[in-house]
């Protein structure tokens, strides 16, 4: 059944893209140091983050501190943590030219159209003007960049994504940690033969399964494959595309994911792994408090470990190159940027990293050290240490790269492919056709 709200949002995105092609923009998005009096007033930030998460809590605190010295200032947080609903809201506000002073977005084709229209401030120039650009991890900034290397979003996080696994369950099935992505289907079969769910996954939110389709091409052809695919310059019918299509089908045949995975959510997947029912769980360092502290179920705590994304024979990318996102970025509305917004960002961005690192999280900057909580297991520090040894290539999540229509269709078809309801050939034909029809609207 089609989602009418999503359809309307996609239509708004397409309209915006077509407007951008017309070249309508009168705003200078590079004016990062506005002059004039700082007049306190309320500003808003359209958010797509957990309402009780560290990012929001810290920024609330910093806003209160700033308001104490600037009576009349207030940071209004418009929170929509559900990502699909958030995207609908963002696209609708953008089409109506009603974006607030600050708003969250990934480096999507839609966001690039906003930048081309002059609706987003040049973040690289902004950070350099504040003399903090050099403090940021290159990988944290690169995750936020558009294809042309431009930077219009500011990162507030830095995460590493690992394959967490239960050593006892792998041992029970007589399998080792997979050295290659190609080893995983056979591993799943062995685990299933012992009555063990191989991999717990959040199927409801769709992006976790979409992570898997990105892995084989990243190893086979490097990060450029998705850059070409999304524009129609590469296809699923190409060698790298066929490798991932067939691999995803093999994961389904080997019953790698829990029964009924498509109807199960984030907490369902996490509970399956932490209760010892599932052998593996692919998730990022944002879950360190749940997986690498004494909050983890004592029955599995000593058996939990992680490994990084396996390579393949002849990999184009190295073992220390995998998914290392800096989360959804914050964009600054160029049309509402004034001396107050500039001054507040200067105040907040300089203070934020130390307070964020104090929560036990990896900061997007290297000038602060993460505080390891007192209740941490050795895995906590092991995970943090991985950030010291990262290659220059990054596996980008495909949901931040593809045009909205193609991405939605890919997510739907992936479930069908893994469930065996469409063949690899049908999947390939459907997606190549979808990209051919929709990519030109966003990539010209």
Protein backbone atom coordinates (compact mmCIF):
# COMPACT_ATOMS: atom_id res chain seq x y z
CA UNK A 1 0.00 0.00 0.00
CA UNK A 2 1.41 3.40 -1.00
CA UNK A 3 2.10 6.00 1.66
CA UNK A 4 0.35 9.23 0.51
CA UNK A 5 2.45 11.41 2.81
CA UNK A 6 5.65 9.92 1.44
CA UNK A 7 4.35 10.37 -2.10
CA UNK A 8 3.62 14.02 -1.38
CA UNK A 9 7.06 14.50 0.12
CA UNK A 10 8.74 12.91 -2.89
CA UNK A 11 6.69 15.17 -5.15
CA UNK A 12 7.83 18.16 -3.12
CA UNK A 13 11.43 16.97 -3.40
CA UNK A 14 11.09 16.60 -7.16
CA UNK A 15 9.56 20.05 -7.42
CA UNK A 16 12.43 21.47 -5.42
CA UNK A 17 14.93 19.68 -7.64
CA UNK A 18 13.32 21.13 -10.75
CA UNK A 19 13.31 24.60 -9.18
CA UNK A 20 17.00 24.22 -8.44
CA UNK A 21 17.64 23.34 -12.07
CA UNK A 22 16.08 26.65 -12.95
CA UNK A 23 18.82 28.38 -11.00
CA UNK A 24 16.61 30.40 -8.67
CA UNK A 25 18.82 31.60 -5.80
CA UNK A 26 19.68 35.04 -4.52
CA UNK A 27 21.32 34.16 -1.20
CA UNK A 28 25.06 34.18 -0.64
CA UNK A 29 25.58 30.94 1.29
CA UNK A 30 29.26 31.74 1.89
CA UNK A 31 28.72 34.84 4.05
CA UNK A 32 29.64 33.13 7.32
CA UNK A 33 30.56 36.22 9.37
CA UNK A 34 27.59 38.61 9.29
CA UNK A 35 28.18 42.03 10.79
CA UNK A 36 25.82 44.04 12.90
CA UNK A 37 24.28 44.05 16.36
CA UNK A 38 23.56 40.74 18.09
CA UNK A 39 19.84 40.97 18.84
CA UNK A 40 18.63 38.03 20.97
CA UNK A 41 15.58 36.21 19.63
CA UNK A 42 14.21 32.69 19.44
CA UNK A 43 15.71 30.34 16.88
CA UNK A 44 14.58 26.82 15.98
CA UNK A 45 16.38 23.58 15.21
CA UNK A 46 14.48 20.91 13.27
CA UNK A 47 15.87 17.66 14.69
CA UNK A 48 15.96 13.97 13.87
CA UNK A 49 17.68 12.64 16.98
CA UNK A 50 16.67 10.73 20.13
CA UNK A 51 14.89 13.22 22.39
CA UNK A 52 16.84 12.00 25.44
CA UNK A 53 20.16 11.58 23.62
CA UNK A 54 23.44 13.27 24.47
CA UNK A 55 23.41 15.62 21.47
CA UNK A 56 20.08 17.20 22.37
CA UNK A 57 20.76 17.27 26.11
CA UNK A 58 24.11 19.02 25.65
CA UNK A 59 22.81 21.54 23.15
CA UNK A 60 19.88 22.33 25.47
CA UNK A 61 22.34 23.01 28.28
CA UNK A 62 24.55 25.17 26.08
CA UNK A 63 21.54 27.11 24.84
CA UNK A 64 20.49 27.81 28.43
CA UNK A 65 24.01 29.03 29.23
CA UNK A 66 23.98 31.31 26.21
CA UNK A 67 20.51 32.61 27.09
CA UNK A 68 21.72 33.55 30.58
CA UNK A 69 24.01 36.13 28.99
CA UNK A 70 21.64 36.99 26.13
CA UNK A 71 18.14 37.56 27.57
CA UNK A 72 15.53 36.97 24.90
CA UNK A 73 17.43 34.13 23.24
CA UNK A 74 15.85 30.70 23.13
CA UNK A 75 16.63 27.54 21.18
CA UNK A 76 13.39 25.85 20.18
CA UNK A 77 13.95 22.15 19.48
CA UNK A 78 11.50 20.62 16.99
CA UNK A 79 12.11 16.91 17.52
CA UNK A 80 10.94 14.15 15.20
CA UNK A 81 13.14 11.10 15.99
CA UNK A 82 11.23 8.86 13.56
CA UNK A 83 13.37 9.25 10.43
CA UNK A 84 10.73 8.69 7.69
CA UNK A 85 8.37 11.20 9.32
CA UNK A 86 11.23 13.63 9.75
CA UNK A 87 12.19 13.46 6.08
CA UNK A 88 8.59 14.18 5.10
CA UNK A 89 8.56 17.23 7.38
CA UNK A 90 11.92 18.49 6.12
CA UNK A 91 10.95 18.16 2.45
CA UNK A 92 7.59 19.82 2.98
CA UNK A 93 9.08 22.80 4.86
CA UNK A 94 11.83 23.18 2.27
CA UNK A 95 9.35 23.24 -0.61
CA UNK A 96 7.36 25.92 1.24
CA UNK A 97 10.52 27.98 2.02
CA UNK A 98 9.80 27.63 5.74
CA UNK A 99 12.95 25.91 6.99
CA UNK A 100 14.04 27.02 10.49
CA UNK A 101 17.42 28.51 11.35
CA UNK A 102 18.97 25.06 11.92
CA UNK A 103 17.88 21.70 10.53
CA UNK A 104 19.16 18.13 10.37
CA UNK A 105 19.93 16.38 7.11
CA UNK A 106 22.15 13.72 5.64
CA UNK A 107 24.25 14.46 2.55
CA UNK A 108 21.41 13.30 0.31
CA UNK A 109 20.62 14.36 -3.27
CA UNK A 110 17.72 16.35 -1.83
CA UNK A 111 20.03 18.24 0.54
CA UNK A 112 22.41 19.01 -2.30
CA UNK A 113 19.55 20.65 -4.16
CA UNK A 114 18.93 22.84 -1.11
CA UNK A 115 22.59 23.82 -1.10
CA UNK A 116 22.49 24.66 -4.80
CA UNK A 117 19.52 26.91 -4.14
CA UNK A 118 21.52 28.85 -1.56
CA UNK A 119 19.39 27.63 1.34
CA UNK A 120 22.30 26.17 3.32
CA UNK A 121 25.35 27.93 4.71
CA UNK A 122 28.80 26.72 3.63
CA UNK A 123 29.78 24.70 6.73
CA UNK A 124 33.44 24.41 5.81
CA UNK A 125 33.80 28.18 5.63
CA UNK A 126 31.83 28.53 8.85
CA UNK A 127 34.01 26.09 10.80
CA UNK A 128 37.17 27.69 9.42
CA UNK A 129 35.92 31.15 10.40
CA UNK A 130 35.49 29.84 13.96
CA UNK A 131 39.02 28.39 13.85
CA UNK A 132 37.78 24.89 14.72
CA UNK A 133 37.76 23.20 11.31
CA UNK A 134 41.15 21.58 11.96
CA UNK A 135 39.86 19.95 15.14
CA UNK A 136 37.40 17.72 13.28
CA UNK A 137 38.18 14.17 12.27
CA UNK A 138 38.56 14.07 8.49
CA UNK A 139 36.23 11.05 8.39
CA UNK A 140 33.56 12.90 10.36
CA UNK A 141 33.58 15.76 7.88
CA UNK A 142 33.90 13.54 4.81
CA UNK A 143 30.74 11.68 5.80
CA UNK A 144 28.86 14.97 5.57
CA UNK A 145 30.24 16.05 2.19
CA UNK A 146 28.42 16.06 -1.11
CA UNK A 147 29.88 14.32 -4.15
CA UNK A 148 31.73 17.43 -5.23
CA UNK A 149 33.55 17.62 -1.89
CA UNK A 150 31.57 20.59 -0.59
CA UNK A 151 30.56 20.63 3.07
CA UNK A 152 27.21 22.02 4.18
CA UNK A 153 26.50 19.98 7.33
CA UNK A 154 28.18 20.02 10.74
CA UNK A 155 28.70 16.66 12.49
CA UNK A 156 27.82 16.18 16.15
CA UNK A 157 28.82 12.51 16.38
CA UNK A 158 31.38 10.01 15.18
CA UNK A 159 30.47 6.34 15.13
CA UNK A 160 31.99 3.04 14.06
CA UNK A 161 29.79 0.16 12.96
CA UNK A 162 30.79 -3.37 14.00
CA UNK A 163 29.55 -6.91 13.73
CA UNK A 164 28.89 -7.85 17.35
CA UNK A 165 28.84 -11.57 18.01
CA UNK A 166 28.37 -14.18 20.72
CA UNK A 167 31.52 -16.32 21.00
CA UNK A 168 29.71 -19.15 22.77
CA UNK A 169 27.06 -19.47 20.06
CA UNK A 170 29.63 -19.52 17.27
CA UNK A 171 31.58 -22.17 19.16
CA UNK A 172 28.42 -24.25 19.64
CA UNK A 173 27.93 -24.26 15.87
CA UNK A 174 31.59 -24.98 15.23
CA UNK A 175 32.18 -21.82 13.19
CA UNK A 176 34.81 -19.11 13.41
CA UNK A 177 34.49 -15.39 12.92
CA UNK A 178 34.03 -14.96 9.14
CA UNK A 179 37.20 -13.84 7.40
CA UNK A 180 35.29 -12.91 4.26
CA UNK A 181 31.80 -11.63 3.56
CA UNK A 182 31.47 -14.69 1.38
CA UNK A 183 31.77 -16.92 4.48
CA UNK A 184 28.62 -15.56 6.11
CA UNK A 185 25.92 -17.63 4.34
CA UNK A 186 27.65 -20.93 5.29
CA UNK A 187 28.08 -19.62 8.84
CA UNK A 188 24.33 -18.91 8.98
CA UNK A 189 23.53 -22.44 7.81
CA UNK A 190 25.74 -23.92 10.53
CA UNK A 191 24.14 -21.78 13.22
CA UNK A 192 20.62 -22.63 12.04
CA UNK A 193 21.49 -26.33 12.22
CA UNK A 194 22.05 -25.84 15.95
CA UNK A 195 18.79 -23.97 16.45
CA UNK A 196 20.50 -20.59 16.70
CA UNK A 197 19.29 -17.42 14.99
CA UNK A 198 22.35 -16.26 13.03
CA UNK A 199 21.78 -12.49 12.78
CA UNK A 200 19.37 -10.19 14.61
CA UNK A 201 18.24 -7.26 12.48
CA UNK A 202 15.81 -4.37 12.76
CA UNK A 203 13.67 -5.01 9.69
CA UNK A 204 10.97 -2.43 10.34
CA UNK A 205 13.25 0.58 9.85
CA UNK A 206 14.68 -0.82 6.61
CA UNK A 207 18.06 0.96 6.79
CA UNK A 208 19.76 -1.93 8.67
CA UNK A 209 19.07 -4.34 5.79
CA UNK A 210 20.18 -1.67 3.34
CA UNK A 211 23.54 -1.60 5.10
CA UNK A 212 24.12 -5.19 3.97
CA UNK A 213 23.54 -4.48 0.27
CA UNK A 214 26.31 -1.85 0.43
CA UNK A 215 29.00 -4.19 1.78
CA UNK A 216 29.91 -6.35 -1.20
CA UNK A 217 30.21 -3.44 -3.68
CA UNK A 218 32.35 -1.50 -1.19
CA UNK A 219 34.76 -4.43 -0.99
CA UNK A 220 34.50 -5.33 -4.68
CA UNK A 221 34.71 -1.90 -6.30
CA UNK A 222 35.31 0.64 -3.52
CA UNK A 223 33.22 3.65 -2.51
CA UNK A 224 32.88 4.88 -6.09
CA UNK A 225 30.39 2.17 -7.02
CA UNK A 226 27.40 3.72 -5.27
CA UNK A 227 28.39 7.16 -6.56
CA UNK A 228 28.08 5.78 -10.10
CA UNK A 229 25.06 3.58 -9.38
CA UNK A 230 22.91 6.39 -8.06
CA UNK A 231 23.47 8.38 -11.26
CA UNK A 232 22.85 5.45 -13.57
CA UNK A 233 26.54 5.27 -14.55
CA UNK A 234 26.73 1.80 -12.95
CA UNK A 235 24.07 -0.86 -12.65
CA UNK A 236 23.01 -3.76 -10.50
CA UNK A 237 23.60 -5.84 -13.61
CA UNK A 238 27.32 -4.97 -13.43
CA UNK A 239 29.73 -7.41 -11.78
CA UNK A 240 29.81 -5.62 -8.41
CA UNK A 241 26.04 -5.21 -8.47
CA UNK A 242 25.44 -8.85 -9.27
CA UNK A 243 27.77 -9.90 -6.49
CA UNK A 244 25.72 -8.11 -3.87
CA UNK A 245 22.35 -9.12 -5.36
CA UNK A 246 23.32 -12.80 -5.34
CA UNK A 247 24.88 -12.49 -1.89
CA UNK A 248 21.74 -10.95 -0.44
CA UNK A 249 19.72 -13.80 -1.96
CA UNK A 250 22.14 -16.28 -0.38
CA UNK A 251 21.73 -14.63 3.03
CA UNK A 252 18.00 -15.19 2.62
CA UNK A 253 18.33 -18.83 1.54
CA UNK A 254 20.61 -19.50 4.52
CA UNK A 255 17.99 -17.90 6.81
CA UNK A 256 20.58 -15.52 8.20
CA UNK A 257 18.03 -13.16 9.77
CA UNK A 258 15.49 -13.97 12.45
CA UNK A 259 12.12 -15.37 11.37
CA UNK A 260 9.70 -12.54 10.62
CA UNK A 261 12.51 -9.96 10.65
CA UNK A 262 10.69 -7.51 8.40
CA UNK A 263 8.05 -6.91 11.09
CA UNK A 264 10.51 -6.57 13.98
CA UNK A 265 12.01 -3.31 15.18
CA UNK A 266 15.14 -1.90 16.75
CA UNK A 267 14.50 -3.07 20.30
CA UNK A 268 13.42 -6.52 19.06
CA UNK A 269 16.77 -7.02 17.31
CA UNK A 270 18.76 -5.73 20.24
CA UNK A 271 16.87 -7.97 22.68
CA UNK A 272 17.41 -11.04 20.53
CA UNK A 273 21.17 -10.50 20.64
CA UNK A 274 21.51 -9.41 24.26
CA UNK A 275 19.36 -12.31 25.46
CA UNK A 276 21.63 -14.82 23.73
CA UNK A 277 19.11 -15.92 21.09
CA UNK A 278 20.99 -14.48 18.11
CA UNK A 279 24.67 -14.97 17.30
CA UNK A 280 25.35 -11.65 15.55
CA UNK A 281 24.13 -8.06 15.55
CA UNK A 282 25.37 -5.33 13.21
CA UNK A 283 25.24 -1.98 15.01
CA UNK A 284 27.35 1.06 15.82
CA UNK A 285 29.19 2.53 18.78
CA UNK A 286 26.09 4.49 19.77
CA UNK A 287 25.09 1.21 21.44
CA UNK A 288 28.26 0.94 23.56
CA UNK A 289 26.29 1.73 26.75
CA UNK A 290 24.12 -1.32 26.06
CA UNK A 291 26.77 -3.71 24.73
CA UNK A 292 30.02 -2.76 26.47
CA UNK A 293 29.04 -1.99 30.07
CA UNK A 294 27.61 -3.92 33.01
CA UNK A 295 24.14 -3.09 31.68
CA UNK A 296 24.58 -6.00 29.30
CA UNK A 297 22.88 -9.22 30.37
CA UNK A 298 25.34 -11.10 32.68
CA UNK A 299 24.42 -14.36 30.94
CA UNK A 300 26.08 -13.19 27.71
CA UNK A 301 28.40 -10.41 28.89
CA UNK A 302 31.60 -12.45 28.84
CA UNK A 303 30.76 -13.99 25.47
CA UNK A 304 30.17 -10.78 23.53
CA UNK A 305 32.84 -9.40 21.20
CA UNK A 306 32.92 -7.64 17.83
CA UNK A 307 34.74 -7.69 14.52
CA UNK A 308 34.91 -5.15 11.73
CA UNK A 309 33.40 -5.59 8.27
CA UNK A 310 35.07 -8.64 6.67
CA UNK A 311 36.95 -8.17 3.44
CA UNK A 312 36.72 -10.38 0.34
CA UNK A 313 39.29 -11.88 -2.00
CA UNK A 314 40.94 -9.04 -3.90
CA UNK A 315 39.15 -6.34 -1.93
CA UNK A 316 39.38 -2.82 -3.28
CA UNK A 317 39.18 -1.56 0.31
CA UNK A 318 41.12 -2.46 3.45
CA UNK A 319 40.02 -4.18 6.64
CA UNK A 320 40.20 -0.87 8.53
CA UNK A 321 37.80 0.75 6.09
CA UNK A 322 34.12 0.23 6.83
CA UNK A 323 31.03 2.20 7.86
CA UNK A 324 32.12 5.05 10.13
CA UNK A 325 29.30 7.62 10.04
CA UNK A 326 29.17 10.93 11.83
CA UNK A 327 25.41 10.75 12.07
CA UNK A 328 22.89 13.09 10.61
CA UNK A 329 24.44 16.53 10.20
CA UNK A 330 23.14 19.94 11.14
CA UNK A 331 22.66 22.48 8.36
CA UNK A 332 22.42 26.22 8.87
CA UNK A 333 19.72 28.09 6.97
CA UNK A 334 21.54 30.71 4.90
CA UNK A 335 18.37 32.80 4.49
CA UNK A 336 17.87 33.31 8.25
CA UNK A 337 21.55 33.48 9.25
CA UNK A 338 22.24 36.62 11.27
CA UNK A 339 24.75 37.86 13.89
CA UNK A 340 22.85 36.09 16.69
CA UNK A 341 22.86 32.68 15.00
CA UNK A 342 26.53 33.17 14.18
CA UNK A 343 27.42 34.09 17.74
CA UNK A 344 25.44 31.22 19.26
CA UNK A 345 27.07 28.67 16.96
CA UNK A 346 30.49 30.02 17.84
CA UNK A 347 29.67 29.63 21.54
CA UNK A 348 28.10 26.18 21.25
CA UNK A 349 30.42 24.49 18.76
CA UNK A 350 33.51 25.34 20.76
CA UNK A 351 32.08 23.96 23.99
CA UNK A 352 30.21 20.96 22.62
CA UNK A 353 33.03 18.43 21.94
CA UNK A 354 34.33 18.24 25.50
CA UNK A 355 30.87 17.82 26.96
CA UNK A 356 29.95 15.18 24.37
CA UNK A 357 33.14 13.18 24.99
CA UNK A 358 32.42 13.30 28.72
CA UNK A 359 29.30 11.18 28.09
CA UNK A 360 31.44 8.28 26.86
CA UNK A 361 30.88 8.98 23.17
CA UNK A 362 33.40 9.45 20.37
CA UNK A 363 33.58 13.15 19.56
CA UNK A 364 33.61 14.29 15.93
CA UNK A 365 36.75 16.23 16.90
CA UNK A 366 40.16 14.96 17.99
CA UNK A 367 40.92 17.68 20.54
CA UNK A 368 39.07 15.91 23.37
CA UNK A 369 39.32 12.47 24.94
CA UNK A 370 36.34 10.19 25.47
CA UNK A 371 35.57 9.38 29.09
CA UNK A 372 35.28 5.64 29.60
CA UNK A 373 32.47 5.02 32.11
CA UNK A 374 33.26 3.27 35.36
CA UNK A 375 30.94 0.37 34.52
CA UNK A 376 32.54 -0.30 31.12
CA UNK A 377 33.75 -3.73 30.03
CA UNK A 378 37.09 -4.06 28.16
CA UNK A 379 35.13 -3.95 24.90
CA UNK A 380 34.38 -0.27 25.45
CA UNK A 381 38.03 0.78 25.17
CA UNK A 382 38.61 -1.73 22.38
CA UNK A 383 35.87 -0.04 20.37
CA UNK A 384 37.27 3.44 21.03
CA UNK A 385 40.73 2.30 19.95
CA UNK A 386 39.37 1.32 16.53
CA UNK A 387 38.92 5.01 15.81
CA UNK A 388 42.71 5.43 15.93
CA UNK A 389 43.21 3.04 13.02
CA UNK A 390 40.92 3.95 10.16
CA UNK A 391 41.70 3.99 6.47
CA UNK A 392 40.79 6.87 4.19
CA UNK A 393 37.94 5.11 2.38
CA UNK A 394 34.49 5.07 3.90
CA UNK A 395 31.49 2.83 3.24
CA UNK A 396 28.60 5.24 2.86
CA UNK A 397 25.09 4.09 3.82
CA UNK A 398 23.13 3.92 0.59
CA UNK A 399 20.03 5.55 2.06
CA UNK A 400 22.02 8.81 2.16
CA UNK A 401 23.13 8.46 -1.46
CA UNK A 402 20.21 7.36 -3.62
CA UNK A 403 17.38 9.53 -4.86
CA UNK A 404 14.24 9.21 -2.67
CA UNK A 405 12.19 7.10 -5.08
CA UNK A 406 15.01 4.66 -5.83
CA UNK A 407 15.86 4.36 -2.15
CA UNK A 408 12.28 3.55 -1.22
CA UNK A 409 12.02 0.94 -3.95
CA UNK A 410 15.37 -0.59 -3.02
CA UNK A 411 14.28 -1.01 0.60
CA UNK A 412 11.05 -2.72 -0.47
CA UNK A 413 12.71 -5.01 -2.99
CA UNK A 414 15.52 -6.00 -0.62
CA UNK A 415 13.01 -7.51 1.78
CA UNK A 416 11.39 -9.43 -1.07
CA UNK A 417 14.77 -10.63 -2.33
CA UNK A 418 15.90 -11.89 1.06
CA UNK A 419 12.54 -13.54 1.65
CA UNK A 420 12.79 -15.28 -1.71
CA UNK A 421 9.72 -13.57 -3.13
CA UNK A 422 11.64 -12.13 -6.10
CA UNK A 423 14.59 -13.62 -7.94
CA UNK A 424 17.98 -11.91 -8.29
CA UNK A 425 17.17 -11.30 -11.94
CA UNK A 426 13.82 -9.69 -11.13
CA UNK A 427 15.43 -7.57 -8.42
CA UNK A 428 18.16 -6.44 -10.83
CA UNK A 429 15.74 -5.50 -13.58
CA UNK A 430 13.45 -3.62 -11.20
CA UNK A 431 16.19 -1.54 -9.60
CA UNK A 432 18.08 -0.75 -12.77
CA UNK A 433 14.81 0.42 -14.32
CA UNK A 434 13.94 2.49 -11.24
CA UNK A 435 17.32 4.23 -11.23
CA UNK A 436 17.10 4.94 -14.97
CA UNK A 437 13.71 6.60 -14.47
CA UNK A 438 14.45 8.62 -11.33
CA UNK A 439 18.15 9.43 -11.10
CA UNK A 440 18.06 12.07 -13.88
CA UNK A 441 15.67 14.17 -11.78
CA UNK A 442 18.37 14.57 -9.10
CA UNK A 443 21.69 14.13 -10.87
CA UNK A 444 22.25 16.33 -13.88
